[in-house]
Amino acid sequence: MLTLKLINEETERVIRGLEKKHFPNAKEAIDGVLAVDKKRREAQQELDKSLNEQKQLSGQIGRLMKEGKKDEAEQVKAQVAALKEKSKQLDETMAQAQEEMTTLLCQIPNIPYDEVPEGKAAEDNHVVKSNLKECTDADTVGNWDVNPSLGIANPLPHWELAKKYNLIDFDLGVKITGAGFPVYIGKGARLQRALINFFLDEARKAGYTEIMPPTVVNQASGYGTGQLPDKEGQMYHCEVDDFYLIPTAEVPVTNIYRDVILDEKDLPIKNCAYTQCFRREAGSYGKDVRGLNRLHEFSKIEIVRIDKPEHSKESHKEMLAHVEGLLKKLELPYRILLLCGGDQSFTSAICYDFEVYSEAQGRWLEVSSVSNFDTYQANRLKCRFRPEGSKKPELCHTLNGSALALPRIVAALLENNQTENGIKVPAALVPYMGCDVID
């Protein structure tokens, strides 16, 4: 969540940032926080004054008793008792104000960086890079008209290819669980494993430490990374134990550093994790959910960094280069989007999406989001670092990205590499697949 220091010291910038994200009633929300903070601070001042008076008066009681001034001592005792009752009430006022302020802050999203473009929706996102053309500042999703032509006659969509080569059984998944839980078979399962191992190996080469975290987290973890309360309806909730199935490895891996003070010399921390991910995707419908386009359970490799503020933008660039390198090695047509304010997530300060082209569907599929959250998550997590030579800890910056999410990568690989004799395996995956054609 946003820090009170930022809200108090840069109120107008915060309001402008929230307006760029199209957060409704931004000024009213910030004014509400400031009003509650004022109430809390005034109560704190009154409490400090009351405690100081108690201390002074308490010191008089013993002296008055020694001087035989029992009546005066009793009067002072009564004053101290009244001040104690007042202090108790002030404590309660402060606690209520703190609880109210935390509730308000949790409902306010992060503010975007200055370089985040204005815009309301996906069509306003800027295409900043592609392996199809040189991009300009004028390139947006809404006016993009450069799509690859792979020369495949009558390309089949991946769900038909999956059936033709017995790679994925969507109907069996419905039987076992329900829609959005496919069953991978034979070379389809091998392709999943090949991609997972390839992505993990590439992350290791880039200096990431592999983590194998739980895929079920408690409420504090969901709150720490901002999934709760913002995305509660999209998460599977185990109500008896009050646990949540993770929507991304970002949640457990980042929460490793909840309530931790790190040393500056240990930053940046670079972790990666392969997990299954679970998303209810309430309200999803139409062509976007066909086949592998939108699943309730899927495999993903996540990269997570914890960094100091002055280096986090460099870390973000390195993460973007890493994800782009994976797509190059998979020989997929891709484009990189800088998301506009209105299409950014609740928690991010800046986010880039990676999309690959789906030949048979004739559309672009999102396969990764790489975000810098500034101090927003760290403030919730109380994730801090101690600068060298300083006693006072500071908030870290947190970053994460998909490297990569499998379902749409698989969809694009199947569709874009189909031939009359089977599906060609990209050279980078051949050592992991043990074959160069899926037939």
Protein backbone atom coordinates (compact mmCIF):
# COMPACT_ATOMS: atom_id res chain seq x y z
CA MET A 1 0.00 0.00 0.00
CA LEU A 2 1.03 3.63 -0.37
CA THR A 3 3.01 5.05 2.53
CA LEU A 4 1.55 7.81 4.69
CA LYS A 5 4.79 9.74 4.18
CA LEU A 6 4.23 9.78 0.41
CA ILE A 7 0.57 10.74 0.76
CA ASN A 8 1.34 13.56 3.22
CA GLU A 9 4.37 14.95 1.40
CA GLU A 10 3.27 14.53 -2.23
CA THR A 11 -0.50 14.64 -2.00
CA GLU A 12 -1.13 16.18 -5.43
CA ARG A 13 1.22 13.74 -7.20
CA VAL A 14 -0.55 10.83 -5.54
CA ILE A 15 -3.96 12.12 -6.64
CA ARG A 16 -2.73 12.66 -10.21
CA GLY A 17 -1.31 9.13 -10.24
CA LEU A 18 -4.57 7.62 -9.06
CA GLU A 19 -6.43 9.60 -11.71
CA LYS A 20 -4.04 8.23 -14.36
CA LYS A 21 -5.10 4.75 -13.18
CA HIS A 22 -8.72 5.88 -13.46
CA PHE A 23 -9.28 5.17 -9.78
CA PRO A 24 -12.73 6.64 -8.97
CA ASN A 25 -12.96 9.52 -6.48
CA ALA A 26 -9.18 9.72 -6.07
CA LYS A 27 -9.16 13.07 -4.26
CA GLU A 28 -11.93 12.03 -1.88
CA ALA A 29 -10.07 8.81 -1.05
CA ILE A 30 -6.82 10.61 -0.27
CA ASP A 31 -8.64 13.34 1.69
CA GLY A 32 -10.24 10.56 3.73
CA VAL A 33 -6.84 9.07 4.56
CA LEU A 34 -5.43 12.48 5.51
CA ALA A 35 -8.42 13.21 7.75
CA VAL A 36 -8.05 9.92 9.62
CA ASP A 37 -4.29 10.45 9.88
CA LYS A 38 -4.90 13.91 11.37
CA LYS A 39 -7.30 12.40 13.90
CA ARG A 40 -4.70 9.78 14.83
CA ARG A 41 -1.89 12.31 15.16
CA GLU A 42 -4.01 14.65 17.28
CA ALA A 43 -4.89 11.75 19.56
CA GLN A 44 -1.19 10.86 19.76
CA GLN A 45 -0.32 14.42 20.78
CA GLU A 46 -3.04 14.42 23.43
CA LEU A 47 -1.85 11.05 24.69
CA ASP A 48 1.77 12.23 24.94
CA LYS A 49 0.59 15.29 26.86
CA SER A 50 -1.57 13.19 29.17
CA LEU A 51 1.25 10.72 29.89
CA ASN A 52 3.65 13.55 30.62
CA GLU A 53 1.16 15.10 33.07
CA GLN A 54 0.67 11.70 34.72
CA LYS A 55 4.40 11.35 35.19
CA GLN A 56 4.75 14.79 36.73
CA LEU A 57 1.77 14.40 39.06
CA SER A 58 2.76 10.88 40.11
CA GLY A 59 6.08 12.27 41.29
CA GLN A 60 4.25 14.67 43.59
CA ILE A 61 2.24 12.01 45.44
CA GLY A 62 5.11 10.51 47.42
CA ARG A 63 6.45 13.95 48.36
CA LEU A 64 3.04 15.14 49.57
CA MET A 65 2.55 11.99 51.64
CA LYS A 66 5.96 12.46 53.29
CA GLU A 67 5.01 16.05 54.11
CA GLY A 68 1.82 14.81 55.74
CA LYS A 69 -0.38 16.44 53.11
CA LYS A 70 -2.61 13.44 52.72
CA ASP A 71 -5.67 15.33 51.36
CA GLU A 72 -3.58 17.03 48.68
CA ALA A 73 -2.01 13.70 47.80
CA GLU A 74 -5.46 12.16 47.40
CA GLN A 75 -6.48 14.99 45.10
CA VAL A 76 -3.41 14.40 42.95
CA LYS A 77 -4.19 10.67 42.89
CA ALA A 78 -7.67 11.49 41.60
CA GLN A 79 -6.14 13.68 38.87
CA VAL A 80 -3.78 10.85 37.88
CA ALA A 81 -6.69 8.38 37.76
CA ALA A 82 -8.64 10.76 35.52
CA LEU A 83 -5.64 11.16 33.24
CA LYS A 84 -5.22 7.39 33.06
CA GLU A 85 -8.85 7.04 31.96
CA LYS A 86 -8.32 9.77 29.39
CA SER A 87 -5.17 8.03 28.13
CA LYS A 88 -7.10 4.78 27.80
CA GLN A 89 -9.74 6.51 25.69
CA LEU A 90 -7.06 8.17 23.56
CA ASP A 91 -5.41 4.77 23.05
CA GLU A 92 -8.72 3.41 21.81
CA THR A 93 -9.19 6.42 19.52
CA MET A 94 -5.73 5.87 18.04
CA ALA A 95 -6.32 2.16 17.54
CA GLN A 96 -9.65 2.83 15.81
CA ALA A 97 -8.07 5.49 13.60
CA GLN A 98 -5.18 3.16 12.71
CA GLU A 99 -7.57 0.36 11.80
CA GLU A 100 -9.72 2.73 9.73
CA MET A 101 -6.65 4.12 7.97
CA THR A 102 -5.30 0.65 7.13
CA THR A 103 -8.70 -0.29 5.68
CA LEU A 104 -8.72 2.86 3.54
CA LEU A 105 -5.12 2.39 2.35
CA CYS A 106 -5.80 -1.22 1.32
CA GLN A 107 -8.50 0.03 -1.03
CA ILE A 108 -6.20 2.50 -2.81
CA PRO A 109 -4.02 1.17 -5.66
CA ASN A 110 -0.40 1.95 -6.35
CA ILE A 111 0.36 5.05 -8.38
CA PRO A 112 2.04 4.66 -11.79
CA TYR A 113 5.46 5.99 -12.72
CA ASP A 114 5.61 9.13 -14.83
CA GLU A 115 6.61 7.15 -17.96
CA VAL A 116 3.37 5.14 -17.85
CA PRO A 117 1.20 6.48 -20.70
CA GLU A 118 -2.29 7.85 -20.32
CA GLY A 119 -5.12 5.57 -21.42
CA LYS A 120 -8.22 3.76 -20.28
CA ALA A 121 -8.04 0.25 -21.71
CA ALA A 122 -5.99 -2.37 -23.56
CA GLU A 123 -6.20 -0.62 -26.94
CA ASP A 124 -4.33 2.36 -25.41
CA ASN A 125 -1.30 0.26 -24.43
CA HIS A 126 1.88 1.25 -26.27
CA VAL A 127 3.73 -1.31 -28.39
CA VAL A 128 7.32 -0.48 -27.49
CA LYS A 129 9.13 -3.39 -29.17
CA SER A 130 8.52 -6.26 -31.57
CA ASN A 131 10.56 -8.65 -33.69
CA LEU A 132 8.28 -7.77 -36.60
CA LYS A 133 9.08 -4.04 -37.00
CA GLU A 134 10.77 -1.02 -35.46
CA CYS A 135 8.27 0.57 -33.09
CA THR A 136 7.56 4.28 -32.65
CA ASP A 137 5.84 6.31 -29.95
CA ALA A 138 2.68 6.25 -32.06
CA ASP A 139 2.33 2.46 -31.99
CA THR A 140 -0.52 1.31 -29.77
CA VAL A 141 -2.54 -1.89 -29.61
CA GLY A 142 -5.47 0.01 -31.10
CA ASN A 143 -3.65 0.99 -34.30
CA TRP A 144 -1.30 -2.00 -34.64
CA ASP A 145 -1.62 -3.58 -38.09
CA VAL A 146 1.61 -5.59 -38.43
CA ASN A 147 0.98 -9.27 -37.94
CA PRO A 148 3.20 -12.11 -39.15
CA SER A 149 2.34 -14.24 -42.14
CA LEU A 150 3.78 -17.67 -41.49
CA GLY A 151 2.64 -19.17 -44.78
CA ILE A 152 0.68 -22.04 -43.25
CA ALA A 153 -2.19 -23.12 -45.47
CA ASN A 154 -5.44 -23.47 -43.51
CA PRO A 155 -3.78 -23.53 -40.06
CA LEU A 156 -5.61 -25.50 -37.39
CA PRO A 157 -6.21 -23.95 -33.94
CA HIS A 158 -4.30 -25.58 -31.11
CA TRP A 159 -7.36 -27.34 -29.67
CA GLU A 160 -7.79 -29.22 -32.96
CA LEU A 161 -4.06 -29.97 -33.16
CA ALA A 162 -4.15 -31.23 -29.57
CA LYS A 163 -6.92 -33.66 -30.53
CA LYS A 164 -5.30 -34.68 -33.82
CA TYR A 165 -2.00 -35.66 -32.15
CA ASN A 166 -3.53 -36.77 -28.83
CA LEU A 167 -1.67 -34.12 -26.81
CA ILE A 168 -4.38 -32.60 -24.61
CA ASP A 169 -7.80 -33.94 -23.64
CA PHE A 170 -10.10 -31.06 -22.66
CA ASP A 171 -13.19 -33.26 -22.30
CA LEU A 172 -11.41 -35.62 -19.91
CA GLY A 173 -10.50 -32.61 -17.78
CA VAL A 174 -14.18 -31.64 -17.64
CA LYS A 175 -15.04 -35.18 -16.53
CA ILE A 176 -12.42 -35.24 -13.77
CA THR A 177 -12.81 -31.67 -12.54
CA GLY A 178 -14.54 -29.19 -14.83
CA ALA A 179 -13.89 -26.75 -17.66
CA GLY A 180 -10.48 -25.11 -17.56
CA PHE A 181 -8.60 -28.13 -16.15
CA PRO A 182 -7.11 -29.95 -19.18
CA VAL A 183 -5.35 -33.32 -19.12
CA TYR A 184 -1.99 -33.45 -20.94
CA ILE A 185 -1.12 -36.75 -22.60
CA GLY A 186 2.03 -38.31 -24.10
CA LYS A 187 4.04 -35.74 -26.02
CA GLY A 188 1.67 -33.05 -24.76
CA ALA A 189 2.76 -33.83 -21.19
CA ARG A 190 6.37 -34.07 -22.34
CA LEU A 191 6.10 -30.64 -23.97
CA GLN A 192 4.89 -29.20 -20.65
CA ARG A 193 7.83 -30.73 -18.81
CA ALA A 194 10.26 -29.63 -21.53
CA LEU A 195 9.13 -26.01 -21.27
CA ILE A 196 9.24 -26.03 -17.48
CA ASN A 197 12.79 -27.39 -17.44
CA PHE A 198 13.91 -25.05 -20.22
CA PHE A 199 12.55 -21.98 -18.45
CA LEU A 200 14.05 -23.02 -15.10
CA ASP A 201 17.44 -23.72 -16.65
CA GLU A 202 17.42 -20.33 -18.38
CA ALA A 203 16.51 -18.62 -15.10
CA ARG A 204 19.34 -20.43 -13.30
CA LYS A 205 21.80 -19.31 -15.99
CA ALA A 206 20.59 -15.74 -15.41
CA GLY A 207 21.44 -15.98 -11.71
CA TYR A 208 18.06 -16.83 -10.19
CA THR A 209 17.86 -19.19 -7.22
CA GLU A 210 15.15 -21.80 -7.65
CA ILE A 211 12.48 -22.00 -4.95
CA MET A 212 9.85 -24.72 -4.58
CA PRO A 213 7.17 -23.01 -2.46
CA PRO A 214 3.75 -24.16 -1.23
CA THR A 215 0.89 -23.64 -3.68
CA VAL A 216 -1.49 -22.87 -0.80
CA VAL A 217 -1.05 -19.69 1.25
CA ASN A 218 -2.65 -18.04 4.25
CA GLN A 219 -4.55 -14.78 4.28
CA ALA A 220 -1.54 -12.76 5.45
CA SER A 221 0.42 -13.85 2.37
CA GLY A 222 -2.42 -12.90 0.02
CA TYR A 223 -2.65 -9.53 1.72
CA GLY A 224 1.11 -8.99 1.62
CA THR A 225 1.38 -9.07 -2.18
CA GLY A 226 -1.96 -7.32 -2.78
CA GLN A 227 -4.12 -10.19 -4.06
CA LEU A 228 -6.31 -9.66 -1.00
CA PRO A 229 -8.67 -7.95 -0.76
CA ASP A 230 -8.44 -6.75 -4.39
CA LYS A 231 -8.66 -10.12 -6.19
CA GLU A 232 -10.41 -12.25 -3.59
CA GLY A 233 -13.13 -13.30 -6.03
CA GLN A 234 -10.55 -14.64 -8.49
CA MET A 235 -8.84 -16.94 -5.98
CA TYR A 236 -9.86 -20.41 -4.88
CA HIS A 237 -10.55 -20.29 -1.15
CA CYS A 238 -10.25 -23.32 1.17
CA GLU A 239 -12.77 -22.01 3.67
CA VAL A 240 -12.35 -24.58 6.46
CA ASP A 241 -8.64 -23.76 6.87
CA ASP A 242 -8.87 -20.19 5.50
CA PHE A 243 -6.17 -20.95 2.91
CA TYR A 244 -5.99 -19.76 -0.70
CA LEU A 245 -4.69 -21.60 -3.79
CA ILE A 246 -2.05 -19.38 -5.33
CA PRO A 247 -2.81 -17.49 -8.58
CA THR A 248 0.94 -17.10 -9.15
CA ALA A 249 4.23 -18.05 -7.45
CA GLU A 250 4.70 -14.33 -6.84
CA VAL A 251 2.60 -14.74 -3.69
CA PRO A 252 4.56 -17.38 -1.74
CA VAL A 253 8.00 -16.39 -3.05
CA THR A 254 7.65 -12.67 -2.26
CA ASN A 255 6.19 -13.52 1.16
CA ILE A 256 9.44 -15.25 2.07
CA TYR A 257 10.60 -11.71 2.86
CA ARG A 258 7.55 -10.60 4.86
CA ASP A 259 8.63 -9.01 8.17
CA VAL A 260 12.30 -9.36 7.20
CA ILE A 261 15.08 -6.76 7.35
CA LEU A 262 17.73 -7.51 4.71
CA ASP A 263 21.29 -6.23 4.43
CA GLU A 264 22.01 -3.93 1.51
CA LYS A 265 24.89 -6.17 0.41
CA ASP A 266 22.43 -9.03 -0.20
CA LEU A 267 20.41 -7.07 -2.76
CA PRO A 268 19.17 -7.64 -5.35
CA ILE A 269 17.70 -11.00 -4.38
CA LYS A 270 16.76 -13.07 -7.46
CA ASN A 271 14.43 -16.04 -7.09
CA CYS A 272 12.50 -18.18 -9.55
CA ALA A 273 9.84 -20.82 -9.00
CA TYR A 274 7.81 -23.31 -10.99
CA THR A 275 4.29 -23.87 -9.62
CA GLN A 276 0.84 -24.77 -10.67
CA CYS A 277 -1.36 -21.67 -10.57
CA PHE A 278 -5.09 -21.49 -9.88
CA ARG A 279 -7.48 -18.76 -11.00
CA ARG A 280 -11.25 -18.81 -10.89
CA GLU A 281 -11.40 -16.27 -13.77
CA ALA A 282 -14.97 -15.42 -12.81
CA GLY A 283 -16.90 -13.89 -15.68
CA SER A 284 -14.63 -15.14 -18.47
CA TYR A 285 -16.44 -16.18 -21.62
CA GLY A 286 -16.33 -16.38 -25.42
CA LYS A 287 -13.40 -17.04 -27.74
CA ASP A 288 -10.88 -15.91 -25.11
CA VAL A 289 -11.48 -19.08 -23.09
CA ARG A 290 -11.31 -21.61 -25.94
CA GLY A 291 -8.67 -24.34 -25.56
CA LEU A 292 -5.63 -23.15 -23.64
CA ASN A 293 -6.45 -19.45 -23.88
CA ARG A 294 -7.76 -19.15 -20.33
CA LEU A 295 -7.50 -21.94 -17.77
CA HIS A 296 -8.35 -22.36 -14.11
CA GLU A 297 -5.16 -24.39 -13.48
CA PHE A 298 -1.91 -23.93 -15.38
CA SER A 299 1.87 -24.16 -15.06
CA LYS A 300 4.06 -21.09 -14.79
CA ILE A 301 7.62 -20.13 -13.96
CA GLU A 302 7.85 -16.86 -12.04
CA ILE A 303 10.89 -14.66 -11.50
CA VAL A 304 10.91 -12.44 -8.39
CA ARG A 305 13.36 -9.76 -7.32
CA ILE A 306 13.78 -7.82 -4.09
CA ASP A 307 15.90 -4.73 -4.62
CA LYS A 308 16.89 -1.35 -3.25
CA PRO A 309 15.05 1.66 -4.73
CA GLU A 310 17.93 3.15 -6.70
CA HIS A 311 18.58 -0.13 -8.56
CA SER A 312 15.07 -1.48 -9.15
CA LYS A 313 14.60 0.14 -12.56
CA GLU A 314 17.81 -1.54 -13.76
CA SER A 315 16.51 -4.84 -12.36
CA HIS A 316 13.28 -4.31 -14.27
CA LYS A 317 15.19 -3.84 -17.53
CA GLU A 318 17.16 -7.03 -16.89
CA MET A 319 13.94 -8.97 -16.27
CA LEU A 320 12.42 -7.66 -19.50
CA ALA A 321 15.54 -8.69 -21.43
CA HIS A 322 15.38 -12.16 -19.87
CA VAL A 323 11.76 -12.76 -20.92
CA GLU A 324 12.42 -11.41 -24.41
CA GLY A 325 15.38 -13.77 -24.71
CA LEU A 326 13.13 -16.75 -23.97
CA LEU A 327 10.72 -15.79 -26.75
CA LYS A 328 13.59 -15.33 -29.18
CA LYS A 329 14.90 -18.81 -28.37
CA LEU A 330 11.42 -20.25 -28.90
CA GLU A 331 11.35 -18.49 -32.31
CA LEU A 332 7.95 -16.92 -31.67
CA PRO A 333 6.63 -13.64 -33.13
CA TYR A 334 6.26 -11.29 -30.19
CA ARG A 335 5.50 -7.74 -29.18
CA ILE A 336 6.11 -5.92 -25.88
CA LEU A 337 3.49 -3.56 -24.49
CA LEU A 338 3.91 -0.76 -21.98
CA LEU A 339 0.57 -0.77 -20.22
CA CYS A 340 -1.33 2.50 -19.94
CA GLY A 341 -2.56 3.77 -16.59
CA GLY A 342 -6.09 2.43 -16.99
CA ASP A 343 -4.94 -1.11 -17.86
CA GLN A 344 -2.39 -1.51 -15.07
CA SER A 345 -2.91 -3.86 -12.16
CA PHE A 346 -3.93 -2.65 -8.71
CA THR A 347 -0.42 -3.08 -7.26
CA SER A 348 2.01 -2.21 -10.07
CA ALA A 349 3.85 1.08 -10.60
CA ILE A 350 4.82 0.07 -14.14
CA CYS A 351 4.10 -3.07 -16.13
CA TYR A 352 5.12 -4.50 -19.50
CA ASP A 353 3.15 -7.32 -21.13
CA PHE A 354 4.64 -9.77 -23.62
CA GLU A 355 2.37 -11.17 -26.31
CA VAL A 356 2.98 -13.88 -28.91
CA TYR A 357 1.09 -14.29 -32.15
CA SER A 358 -1.32 -17.17 -32.64
CA GLU A 359 -1.38 -18.09 -36.34
CA ALA A 360 -4.64 -20.05 -36.45
CA GLN A 361 -6.55 -17.71 -34.16
CA GLY A 362 -5.15 -14.63 -35.85
CA ARG A 363 -4.65 -12.85 -32.54
CA TRP A 364 -2.05 -11.90 -29.97
CA LEU A 365 -1.87 -13.86 -26.71
CA GLU A 366 -0.46 -12.49 -23.47
CA VAL A 367 2.23 -14.80 -22.06
CA SER A 368 3.97 -12.61 -19.47
CA SER A 369 3.59 -9.50 -17.34
CA VAL A 370 6.75 -8.02 -15.82
CA SER A 371 6.10 -5.44 -13.11
CA ASN A 372 7.87 -3.12 -10.72
CA PHE A 373 5.76 -2.46 -7.62
CA ASP A 374 8.08 0.17 -6.10
CA THR A 375 7.49 0.10 -2.30
CA TYR A 376 3.78 -0.77 -2.55
CA GLN A 377 4.06 -4.49 -1.77
CA ALA A 378 7.04 -3.98 0.55
CA ASN A 379 5.01 -1.61 2.72
CA ARG A 380 2.33 -4.28 3.14
CA LEU A 381 4.94 -6.98 3.71
CA LYS A 382 7.17 -4.86 5.97
CA CYS A 383 10.01 -6.00 3.70
CA ARG A 384 12.94 -3.71 4.43
CA PHE A 385 16.70 -3.43 4.04
CA ARG A 386 19.34 -1.70 6.12
CA PRO A 387 21.59 0.57 4.02
CA GLU A 388 25.29 0.12 4.67
CA GLY A 389 26.41 2.34 7.53
CA SER A 390 22.86 3.17 8.59
CA LYS A 391 20.82 1.94 11.53
CA LYS A 392 17.44 2.87 10.10
CA PRO A 393 15.92 0.32 7.68
CA GLU A 394 14.17 1.40 4.46
CA LEU A 395 11.46 -0.23 2.36
CA CYS A 396 12.64 -2.46 -0.48
CA HIS A 397 11.26 -2.48 -4.01
CA THR A 398 9.66 -5.71 -5.24
CA LEU A 399 9.44 -6.90 -8.85
CA ASN A 400 8.16 -10.00 -10.60
CA GLY A 401 7.31 -11.45 -13.95
CA SER A 402 6.22 -14.60 -15.76
CA ALA A 403 9.14 -16.38 -17.39
CA LEU A 404 6.97 -17.87 -18.72
CA ALA A 405 3.32 -18.96 -18.38
CA LEU A 406 2.86 -22.19 -20.32
CA PRO A 407 -0.69 -22.44 -21.74
CA ARG A 408 -0.56 -19.72 -24.39
CA ILE A 409 3.08 -20.47 -25.17
CA VAL A 410 1.99 -24.04 -25.93
CA ALA A 411 -0.93 -22.74 -28.01
CA ALA A 412 1.37 -20.54 -30.11
CA LEU A 413 4.05 -23.24 -30.48
CA LEU A 414 1.51 -25.78 -31.75
CA GLU A 415 -0.24 -23.40 -34.14
CA ASN A 416 2.82 -21.61 -35.52
CA ASN A 417 4.94 -24.74 -36.07
CA GLN A 418 2.36 -27.04 -37.63
CA THR A 419 3.32 -28.82 -40.84
CA GLU A 420 1.82 -31.59 -42.93
CA ASN A 421 4.10 -34.06 -41.14
CA GLY A 422 3.59 -32.91 -37.59
CA ILE A 423 4.54 -30.02 -35.33
CA LYS A 424 8.12 -28.83 -35.55
CA VAL A 425 9.88 -28.48 -32.17
CA PRO A 426 12.00 -25.29 -31.80
CA ALA A 427 15.73 -26.06 -31.67
CA ALA A 428 16.02 -24.78 -28.09
CA LEU A 429 13.48 -27.39 -26.92
CA VAL A 430 14.78 -30.40 -28.84
CA PRO A 431 17.23 -31.48 -26.07
CA TYR A 432 14.35 -31.33 -23.56
CA MET A 433 11.79 -33.04 -25.79
CA GLY A 434 14.05 -35.75 -27.15
CA CYS A 435 12.53 -35.25 -30.61
CA ASP A 436 12.32 -32.54 -33.24
CA VAL A 437 8.76 -33.26 -34.40
CA ILE A 438 5.56 -33.91 -32.52
CA ASP A 439 3.53 -36.39 -34.58
